[in-house]
N, C-alpha and C. Protein backbone atom coordinates (compact mmCIF):
# COMPACT_ATOMS: atom_id res chain seq x y z
N UNK A 1 32.04 7.50 -0.62
CA UNK A 1 31.70 8.78 -1.19
C UNK A 1 30.46 9.33 -0.50
N UNK A 2 30.63 10.25 0.40
CA UNK A 2 29.52 10.86 1.11
C UNK A 2 29.36 12.30 0.64
N UNK A 3 28.13 12.75 0.56
CA UNK A 3 27.93 14.15 0.19
C UNK A 3 28.41 15.08 1.30
N UNK A 4 28.50 16.35 0.95
CA UNK A 4 29.04 17.32 1.90
C UNK A 4 28.13 17.51 3.11
N UNK A 5 26.82 17.41 2.91
CA UNK A 5 25.92 17.69 4.03
C UNK A 5 24.84 16.62 4.13
N UNK A 6 24.25 16.59 5.29
CA UNK A 6 23.20 15.62 5.60
C UNK A 6 21.86 16.25 5.27
N UNK A 7 20.97 15.50 4.62
CA UNK A 7 19.64 15.99 4.28
C UNK A 7 18.61 15.32 5.18
N UNK A 8 17.78 16.11 5.82
CA UNK A 8 16.76 15.58 6.74
C UNK A 8 15.66 14.84 6.01
N UNK A 9 15.24 15.38 4.89
CA UNK A 9 14.15 14.78 4.12
C UNK A 9 14.59 14.64 2.67
N UNK A 10 14.36 13.44 2.12
CA UNK A 10 14.71 13.18 0.73
C UNK A 10 13.44 12.75 0.01
N UNK A 11 13.27 13.25 -1.20
CA UNK A 11 12.09 12.88 -1.99
C UNK A 11 12.48 11.73 -2.91
N UNK A 12 11.86 10.57 -2.66
CA UNK A 12 12.10 9.38 -3.48
C UNK A 12 10.75 8.83 -3.91
N UNK A 13 10.60 8.64 -5.20
CA UNK A 13 9.39 8.05 -5.78
C UNK A 13 8.11 8.77 -5.34
N UNK A 14 8.16 10.08 -5.28
CA UNK A 14 6.98 10.86 -4.96
C UNK A 14 6.61 10.89 -3.49
N UNK A 15 7.52 10.45 -2.62
CA UNK A 15 7.24 10.46 -1.18
C UNK A 15 8.40 11.14 -0.45
N UNK A 16 8.06 11.90 0.58
CA UNK A 16 9.08 12.49 1.42
C UNK A 16 9.51 11.46 2.45
N UNK A 17 10.80 11.15 2.45
CA UNK A 17 11.33 10.08 3.29
C UNK A 17 12.28 10.69 4.31
N UNK A 18 12.19 10.21 5.54
CA UNK A 18 13.02 10.70 6.65
C UNK A 18 14.47 10.29 6.43
N UNK A 19 15.37 11.26 6.42
CA UNK A 19 16.78 11.00 6.16
C UNK A 19 17.55 10.49 7.35
N UNK A 20 16.96 10.51 8.54
CA UNK A 20 17.68 10.06 9.73
C UNK A 20 17.61 8.55 9.93
N UNK A 21 16.74 7.88 9.19
CA UNK A 21 16.58 6.44 9.35
C UNK A 21 17.55 5.67 8.47
N UNK A 22 17.81 4.41 8.83
CA UNK A 22 18.66 3.56 8.01
C UNK A 22 17.94 3.24 6.71
N UNK A 23 18.72 2.94 5.68
CA UNK A 23 18.19 2.80 4.32
C UNK A 23 16.97 1.89 4.19
N UNK A 24 17.04 0.62 4.60
CA UNK A 24 15.86 -0.23 4.36
C UNK A 24 14.61 0.26 5.09
N UNK A 25 14.78 0.74 6.30
CA UNK A 25 13.64 1.17 7.10
C UNK A 25 13.09 2.51 6.61
N UNK A 26 13.94 3.33 6.04
CA UNK A 26 13.48 4.60 5.48
C UNK A 26 12.67 4.35 4.20
N UNK A 27 13.07 3.35 3.42
CA UNK A 27 12.35 3.07 2.17
C UNK A 27 10.96 2.52 2.43
N UNK A 28 10.72 1.95 3.61
CA UNK A 28 9.38 1.43 3.91
C UNK A 28 8.36 2.54 4.10
N UNK A 29 8.80 3.79 4.20
CA UNK A 29 7.86 4.91 4.30
C UNK A 29 7.17 5.17 2.97
N UNK A 30 7.70 4.62 1.88
CA UNK A 30 7.07 4.75 0.57
C UNK A 30 5.95 3.73 0.50
N UNK A 31 4.76 4.16 0.12
CA UNK A 31 3.62 3.25 0.07
C UNK A 31 3.85 2.20 -1.01
N UNK A 32 3.76 0.93 -0.63
CA UNK A 32 3.98 -0.16 -1.56
C UNK A 32 5.34 -0.81 -1.40
N UNK A 33 6.15 -0.32 -0.47
CA UNK A 33 7.47 -0.89 -0.24
C UNK A 33 7.50 -1.43 1.18
N UNK A 34 7.66 -2.74 1.30
CA UNK A 34 7.79 -3.38 2.60
C UNK A 34 9.25 -3.57 2.96
N UNK A 35 9.49 -4.14 4.12
CA UNK A 35 10.86 -4.27 4.60
C UNK A 35 11.66 -5.24 3.73
N UNK A 36 11.06 -6.34 3.28
CA UNK A 36 11.80 -7.30 2.46
C UNK A 36 12.16 -6.71 1.11
N UNK A 37 11.22 -6.00 0.49
CA UNK A 37 11.52 -5.36 -0.78
C UNK A 37 12.57 -4.27 -0.60
N UNK A 38 12.50 -3.53 0.48
CA UNK A 38 13.47 -2.46 0.74
C UNK A 38 14.88 -3.04 0.90
N UNK A 39 14.99 -4.16 1.59
CA UNK A 39 16.31 -4.80 1.74
C UNK A 39 16.83 -5.30 0.41
N UNK A 40 15.94 -5.85 -0.43
CA UNK A 40 16.35 -6.32 -1.75
C UNK A 40 16.81 -5.16 -2.63
N UNK A 41 16.12 -4.02 -2.54
CA UNK A 41 16.50 -2.84 -3.33
C UNK A 41 17.87 -2.33 -2.91
N UNK A 42 18.10 -2.27 -1.60
CA UNK A 42 19.40 -1.80 -1.10
C UNK A 42 20.51 -2.74 -1.56
N UNK A 43 20.25 -4.05 -1.54
CA UNK A 43 21.27 -5.00 -1.99
C UNK A 43 21.53 -4.86 -3.48
N UNK A 44 20.48 -4.71 -4.29
CA UNK A 44 20.64 -4.57 -5.75
C UNK A 44 21.36 -3.28 -6.11
N UNK A 45 21.14 -2.23 -5.32
CA UNK A 45 21.82 -0.96 -5.58
C UNK A 45 23.25 -0.96 -5.09
N UNK A 46 23.62 -1.98 -4.30
CA UNK A 46 24.98 -2.07 -3.80
C UNK A 46 25.29 -1.06 -2.71
N UNK A 47 24.30 -0.72 -1.91
CA UNK A 47 24.49 0.27 -0.85
C UNK A 47 24.62 -0.41 0.50
N UNK A 48 25.16 0.31 1.45
CA UNK A 48 25.32 -0.19 2.81
C UNK A 48 23.97 -0.09 3.53
N UNK A 49 23.41 -1.22 4.00
CA UNK A 49 22.10 -1.14 4.66
C UNK A 49 22.14 -0.42 6.01
N UNK A 50 23.31 -0.24 6.59
CA UNK A 50 23.41 0.46 7.87
C UNK A 50 23.62 1.96 7.71
N UNK A 51 23.76 2.43 6.48
CA UNK A 51 23.95 3.86 6.23
C UNK A 51 22.62 4.59 6.40
N UNK A 52 22.70 5.85 6.75
CA UNK A 52 21.51 6.68 6.88
C UNK A 52 21.12 7.23 5.51
N UNK A 53 19.83 7.36 5.30
CA UNK A 53 19.33 7.81 4.00
C UNK A 53 19.76 9.24 3.70
N UNK A 54 19.93 10.06 4.70
CA UNK A 54 20.28 11.45 4.50
C UNK A 54 21.66 11.66 3.90
N UNK A 55 22.52 10.64 3.97
CA UNK A 55 23.86 10.74 3.42
C UNK A 55 23.96 10.26 1.97
N UNK A 56 22.84 9.84 1.38
CA UNK A 56 22.87 9.36 0.00
C UNK A 56 23.11 10.50 -0.97
N UNK A 57 23.85 10.22 -2.02
CA UNK A 57 24.04 11.22 -3.07
C UNK A 57 22.83 11.17 -4.01
N UNK A 58 22.74 12.15 -4.87
CA UNK A 58 21.62 12.20 -5.82
C UNK A 58 21.67 11.02 -6.78
N UNK A 59 22.86 10.60 -7.15
CA UNK A 59 23.01 9.48 -8.07
C UNK A 59 22.50 8.18 -7.43
N UNK A 60 22.81 7.98 -6.16
CA UNK A 60 22.35 6.77 -5.45
C UNK A 60 20.83 6.80 -5.26
N UNK A 61 20.27 7.99 -5.01
CA UNK A 61 18.81 8.10 -4.88
C UNK A 61 18.13 7.81 -6.20
N UNK A 62 18.72 8.24 -7.31
CA UNK A 62 18.17 7.93 -8.63
C UNK A 62 18.24 6.43 -8.91
N UNK A 63 19.30 5.78 -8.47
CA UNK A 63 19.43 4.33 -8.66
C UNK A 63 18.33 3.59 -7.90
N UNK A 64 18.03 4.04 -6.69
CA UNK A 64 16.94 3.44 -5.91
C UNK A 64 15.61 3.65 -6.63
N UNK A 65 15.37 4.85 -7.17
CA UNK A 65 14.13 5.12 -7.90
C UNK A 65 14.01 4.25 -9.15
N UNK A 66 15.13 4.04 -9.85
CA UNK A 66 15.10 3.19 -11.04
C UNK A 66 14.73 1.75 -10.69
N UNK A 67 15.26 1.25 -9.60
CA UNK A 67 14.93 -0.10 -9.17
C UNK A 67 13.46 -0.17 -8.74
N UNK A 68 12.97 0.88 -8.07
CA UNK A 68 11.57 0.90 -7.65
C UNK A 68 10.61 0.95 -8.84
N UNK A 69 10.97 1.65 -9.90
CA UNK A 69 10.10 1.76 -11.06
C UNK A 69 9.88 0.41 -11.74
N UNK A 70 10.94 -0.39 -11.86
CA UNK A 70 10.82 -1.68 -12.52
C UNK A 70 11.70 -2.70 -11.81
N UNK A 71 11.22 -3.28 -10.71
CA UNK A 71 12.06 -4.21 -9.95
C UNK A 71 12.32 -5.52 -10.68
N UNK A 72 11.43 -5.94 -11.58
CA UNK A 72 11.66 -7.21 -12.28
C UNK A 72 12.85 -7.08 -13.24
N UNK A 73 13.07 -5.91 -13.78
CA UNK A 73 14.20 -5.68 -14.68
C UNK A 73 15.54 -5.77 -13.94
N UNK A 74 15.51 -5.50 -12.65
CA UNK A 74 16.72 -5.52 -11.84
C UNK A 74 16.86 -6.81 -11.04
N UNK A 75 16.17 -7.86 -11.46
CA UNK A 75 16.27 -9.21 -10.86
C UNK A 75 15.85 -9.27 -9.40
N UNK A 76 14.83 -8.48 -9.05
CA UNK A 76 14.22 -8.61 -7.72
C UNK A 76 13.29 -9.82 -7.78
N UNK A 77 13.30 -10.70 -6.78
CA UNK A 77 12.45 -11.90 -6.84
C UNK A 77 10.98 -11.57 -7.06
N UNK A 78 10.30 -12.43 -7.81
CA UNK A 78 8.91 -12.19 -8.18
C UNK A 78 7.96 -12.18 -7.00
N UNK A 79 8.29 -12.89 -5.93
CA UNK A 79 7.38 -12.94 -4.79
C UNK A 79 7.39 -11.65 -3.98
N UNK A 80 8.32 -10.73 -4.28
CA UNK A 80 8.33 -9.44 -3.60
C UNK A 80 7.48 -8.40 -4.32
N UNK A 81 7.03 -8.71 -5.50
CA UNK A 81 6.28 -7.75 -6.31
C UNK A 81 4.82 -7.79 -5.90
N UNK A 82 4.17 -6.63 -5.77
CA UNK A 82 2.83 -6.58 -5.20
C UNK A 82 1.70 -6.79 -6.21
N UNK A 83 1.98 -6.90 -7.49
CA UNK A 83 0.92 -7.16 -8.46
C UNK A 83 1.43 -8.15 -9.50
N UNK A 84 1.39 -9.41 -9.15
CA UNK A 84 1.86 -10.46 -10.04
C UNK A 84 0.74 -10.85 -11.00
N UNK A 85 1.07 -10.98 -12.27
CA UNK A 85 0.12 -11.36 -13.32
C UNK A 85 -1.12 -10.46 -13.30
N UNK A 86 -0.92 -9.23 -13.67
CA UNK A 86 -1.99 -8.24 -13.71
C UNK A 86 -3.14 -8.73 -14.58
N UNK A 87 -4.38 -8.47 -14.17
CA UNK A 87 -5.56 -8.94 -14.90
C UNK A 87 -5.64 -8.37 -16.31
N UNK A 88 -5.23 -7.13 -16.49
CA UNK A 88 -5.37 -6.48 -17.79
C UNK A 88 -4.21 -6.81 -18.73
N UNK A 89 -2.98 -6.73 -18.21
CA UNK A 89 -1.81 -6.90 -19.08
C UNK A 89 -1.18 -8.28 -18.99
N UNK A 90 -1.36 -8.98 -17.89
CA UNK A 90 -0.75 -10.28 -17.70
C UNK A 90 0.70 -10.21 -17.25
N UNK A 91 1.22 -9.01 -17.06
CA UNK A 91 2.60 -8.83 -16.64
C UNK A 91 2.67 -8.66 -15.13
N UNK A 92 3.87 -8.83 -14.59
CA UNK A 92 4.09 -8.58 -13.18
C UNK A 92 4.49 -7.12 -13.02
N UNK A 93 3.72 -6.39 -12.23
CA UNK A 93 3.97 -4.97 -11.99
C UNK A 93 4.21 -4.75 -10.51
N UNK A 94 4.92 -3.68 -10.19
CA UNK A 94 5.02 -3.27 -8.80
C UNK A 94 4.53 -1.84 -8.71
N UNK A 95 3.44 -1.66 -7.99
CA UNK A 95 2.81 -0.35 -7.87
C UNK A 95 3.25 0.32 -6.58
N UNK A 96 3.50 1.62 -6.65
CA UNK A 96 3.87 2.39 -5.46
C UNK A 96 3.07 3.68 -5.45
N UNK A 97 2.92 4.23 -4.25
CA UNK A 97 2.26 5.52 -4.10
C UNK A 97 0.77 5.46 -4.36
N UNK A 98 0.25 6.47 -5.04
CA UNK A 98 -1.19 6.56 -5.29
C UNK A 98 -1.65 5.56 -6.35
N UNK A 99 -0.73 4.98 -7.10
CA UNK A 99 -1.10 3.97 -8.10
C UNK A 99 -1.77 2.77 -7.44
N UNK A 100 -1.35 2.44 -6.23
CA UNK A 100 -1.95 1.31 -5.51
C UNK A 100 -3.42 1.60 -5.24
N UNK A 101 -3.72 2.78 -4.72
CA UNK A 101 -5.10 3.14 -4.40
C UNK A 101 -5.99 3.12 -5.64
N UNK A 102 -5.48 3.66 -6.74
CA UNK A 102 -6.26 3.69 -7.98
C UNK A 102 -6.51 2.27 -8.50
N UNK A 103 -5.51 1.41 -8.41
CA UNK A 103 -5.65 0.05 -8.91
C UNK A 103 -6.64 -0.75 -8.05
N UNK A 104 -6.57 -0.57 -6.72
CA UNK A 104 -7.50 -1.27 -5.83
C UNK A 104 -8.93 -0.82 -6.12
N UNK A 105 -9.11 0.50 -6.33
CA UNK A 105 -10.45 1.00 -6.63
C UNK A 105 -10.97 0.42 -7.95
N UNK A 106 -10.11 0.34 -8.95
CA UNK A 106 -10.56 -0.22 -10.23
C UNK A 106 -10.84 -1.72 -10.10
N UNK A 107 -10.09 -2.43 -9.25
CA UNK A 107 -10.37 -3.85 -9.03
C UNK A 107 -11.73 -4.05 -8.36
N UNK A 108 -12.03 -3.21 -7.38
CA UNK A 108 -13.32 -3.31 -6.69
C UNK A 108 -14.46 -2.96 -7.66
N UNK A 109 -14.25 -1.93 -8.48
CA UNK A 109 -15.26 -1.58 -9.48
C UNK A 109 -15.48 -2.72 -10.47
N UNK A 110 -14.41 -3.41 -10.86
CA UNK A 110 -14.54 -4.55 -11.77
C UNK A 110 -15.34 -5.67 -11.12
N UNK A 111 -15.09 -5.93 -9.83
CA UNK A 111 -15.84 -6.97 -9.12
C UNK A 111 -17.32 -6.60 -9.04
N UNK A 112 -17.62 -5.32 -8.82
CA UNK A 112 -19.02 -4.89 -8.77
C UNK A 112 -19.67 -5.02 -10.14
N UNK A 113 -18.92 -4.67 -11.18
CA UNK A 113 -19.47 -4.70 -12.54
C UNK A 113 -19.80 -6.12 -12.98
N UNK A 114 -18.95 -7.09 -12.64
CA UNK A 114 -19.22 -8.47 -13.05
C UNK A 114 -20.12 -9.18 -12.06
N UNK A 115 -20.52 -8.45 -11.01
CA UNK A 115 -21.45 -8.95 -10.01
C UNK A 115 -20.95 -10.22 -9.31
N UNK A 116 -19.66 -10.21 -8.94
CA UNK A 116 -19.13 -11.32 -8.16
C UNK A 116 -19.59 -11.17 -6.71
N UNK A 117 -19.39 -12.21 -5.93
CA UNK A 117 -19.83 -12.17 -4.53
C UNK A 117 -19.05 -11.11 -3.76
N UNK A 118 -17.74 -11.03 -4.02
CA UNK A 118 -16.94 -10.00 -3.36
C UNK A 118 -17.41 -8.61 -3.75
N UNK A 119 -17.79 -8.44 -5.01
CA UNK A 119 -18.31 -7.15 -5.46
C UNK A 119 -19.61 -6.80 -4.78
N UNK A 120 -20.47 -7.81 -4.61
CA UNK A 120 -21.73 -7.62 -3.90
C UNK A 120 -21.47 -7.16 -2.48
N UNK A 121 -20.55 -7.82 -1.78
CA UNK A 121 -20.24 -7.47 -0.39
C UNK A 121 -19.65 -6.06 -0.31
N UNK A 122 -18.77 -5.71 -1.27
CA UNK A 122 -18.20 -4.37 -1.30
C UNK A 122 -19.29 -3.32 -1.50
N UNK A 123 -20.22 -3.59 -2.41
CA UNK A 123 -21.23 -2.58 -2.73
C UNK A 123 -22.19 -2.34 -1.57
N UNK A 124 -22.42 -3.35 -0.73
CA UNK A 124 -23.29 -3.17 0.42
C UNK A 124 -22.55 -2.81 1.69
N UNK A 125 -21.24 -2.64 1.61
CA UNK A 125 -20.45 -2.22 2.77
C UNK A 125 -20.31 -3.29 3.83
N UNK A 126 -20.36 -4.56 3.43
CA UNK A 126 -20.24 -5.67 4.37
C UNK A 126 -18.82 -6.23 4.35
N UNK A 127 -18.53 -7.11 5.30
CA UNK A 127 -17.23 -7.76 5.34
C UNK A 127 -17.09 -8.65 4.11
N UNK A 128 -15.90 -8.68 3.54
CA UNK A 128 -15.70 -9.34 2.26
C UNK A 128 -15.05 -10.71 2.41
N UNK A 129 -14.20 -10.89 3.38
CA UNK A 129 -13.37 -12.09 3.43
C UNK A 129 -13.86 -13.15 4.42
N UNK A 130 -15.16 -13.27 4.59
CA UNK A 130 -15.70 -14.35 5.39
C UNK A 130 -15.70 -14.12 6.88
N UNK A 131 -15.51 -12.89 7.33
CA UNK A 131 -15.51 -12.63 8.76
C UNK A 131 -16.93 -12.69 9.32
N UNK A 132 -16.99 -12.84 10.62
CA UNK A 132 -18.27 -12.85 11.32
C UNK A 132 -18.88 -11.45 11.28
N UNK A 133 -20.18 -11.39 11.03
CA UNK A 133 -20.85 -10.09 10.99
C UNK A 133 -22.00 -10.00 11.99
N UNK A 134 -22.32 -11.09 12.68
CA UNK A 134 -23.44 -11.06 13.60
C UNK A 134 -23.16 -10.15 14.80
N UNK A 135 -21.92 -10.23 15.32
CA UNK A 135 -21.62 -9.48 16.54
C UNK A 135 -20.54 -8.43 16.34
N UNK A 136 -19.81 -8.45 15.23
CA UNK A 136 -18.72 -7.49 15.05
C UNK A 136 -18.95 -6.64 13.82
N UNK A 137 -18.18 -5.58 13.71
CA UNK A 137 -18.27 -4.71 12.54
C UNK A 137 -19.52 -3.88 12.51
N UNK A 138 -19.99 -3.44 13.67
CA UNK A 138 -21.24 -2.70 13.72
C UNK A 138 -21.05 -1.19 13.72
N UNK A 139 -19.85 -0.73 13.51
CA UNK A 139 -19.62 0.72 13.58
C UNK A 139 -20.24 1.44 12.38
N UNK A 140 -20.48 0.74 11.29
CA UNK A 140 -21.01 1.39 10.10
C UNK A 140 -22.50 1.66 10.21
N UNK A 141 -23.25 0.67 10.70
CA UNK A 141 -24.69 0.86 10.82
C UNK A 141 -25.19 0.07 12.02
N UNK A 142 -26.32 0.48 12.56
CA UNK A 142 -26.84 -0.19 13.74
C UNK A 142 -27.70 -1.38 13.31
N UNK A 143 -27.53 -2.49 14.03
CA UNK A 143 -28.27 -3.70 13.72
C UNK A 143 -29.14 -4.14 14.89
N UNK A 144 -29.06 -3.41 16.00
CA UNK A 144 -29.73 -3.85 17.22
C UNK A 144 -31.24 -3.69 17.17
N UNK A 145 -31.90 -4.20 18.18
CA UNK A 145 -33.36 -4.13 18.29
C UNK A 145 -33.73 -2.79 18.93
N UNK A 146 -34.74 -2.12 18.38
CA UNK A 146 -35.16 -0.84 18.93
C UNK A 146 -36.03 -1.06 20.16
N UNK A 147 -35.90 -0.16 21.10
CA UNK A 147 -36.67 -0.27 22.34
C UNK A 147 -38.10 0.18 22.12
N UNK A 148 -39.00 -0.38 22.90
CA UNK A 148 -40.43 -0.08 22.75
C UNK A 148 -40.73 1.39 23.02
N UNK A 149 -40.05 1.97 24.00
CA UNK A 149 -40.33 3.36 24.36
C UNK A 149 -40.02 4.29 23.20
N UNK A 150 -38.94 4.04 22.51
CA UNK A 150 -38.57 4.90 21.39
C UNK A 150 -39.59 4.76 20.27
N UNK A 151 -40.00 3.54 20.01
CA UNK A 151 -40.98 3.29 18.95
C UNK A 151 -42.33 3.95 19.29
N UNK A 152 -42.75 3.83 20.54
CA UNK A 152 -44.02 4.44 20.96
C UNK A 152 -43.94 5.96 20.91
N UNK A 153 -42.80 6.52 21.30
CA UNK A 153 -42.62 7.98 21.26
C UNK A 153 -42.70 8.49 19.83
N UNK A 154 -42.19 7.74 18.90
CA UNK A 154 -42.24 8.16 17.50
C UNK A 154 -43.64 8.06 16.93
N UNK A 155 -44.40 7.08 17.40
CA UNK A 155 -45.78 6.93 16.93
C UNK A 155 -46.66 8.09 17.38
N UNK A 156 -46.39 8.60 18.57
CA UNK A 156 -47.17 9.72 19.11
C UNK A 156 -46.90 11.01 18.34
N UNK A 157 -45.72 11.13 17.77
CA UNK A 157 -45.38 12.35 17.02
C UNK A 157 -46.08 12.29 15.72
């Protein structure tokens, strides 16, 4: 069952998705959906993974959106979900779109509020995950030694 015409752009889950790409690869354009999750969604929806997204009917696009809204209800494996055991609710959630950005910001704010080490590093704009900072990551602020000529020129002013 193919629709009468091909659609170049389809809106799925609040994102404009290219209709010329194959289904799993087109779904990866949605923020929060990786290739493995996209393949699982296509399999759960019973769609052909080699079909182009532009040929999907509205009913099939709604089915994909329903699976994206609550993948655990549709028996998508738990390791594909991007927020397992949420700190606030304790449930496994899958966030997509701008919800990811808001949740990450609230997580960082929580770390700052409880004054954890990661929160401290975030608040000072330093590397958080144990990376080297002596020689790398200097684009944010200068750490080098000032030259004598510059210092003397400033003293004269």
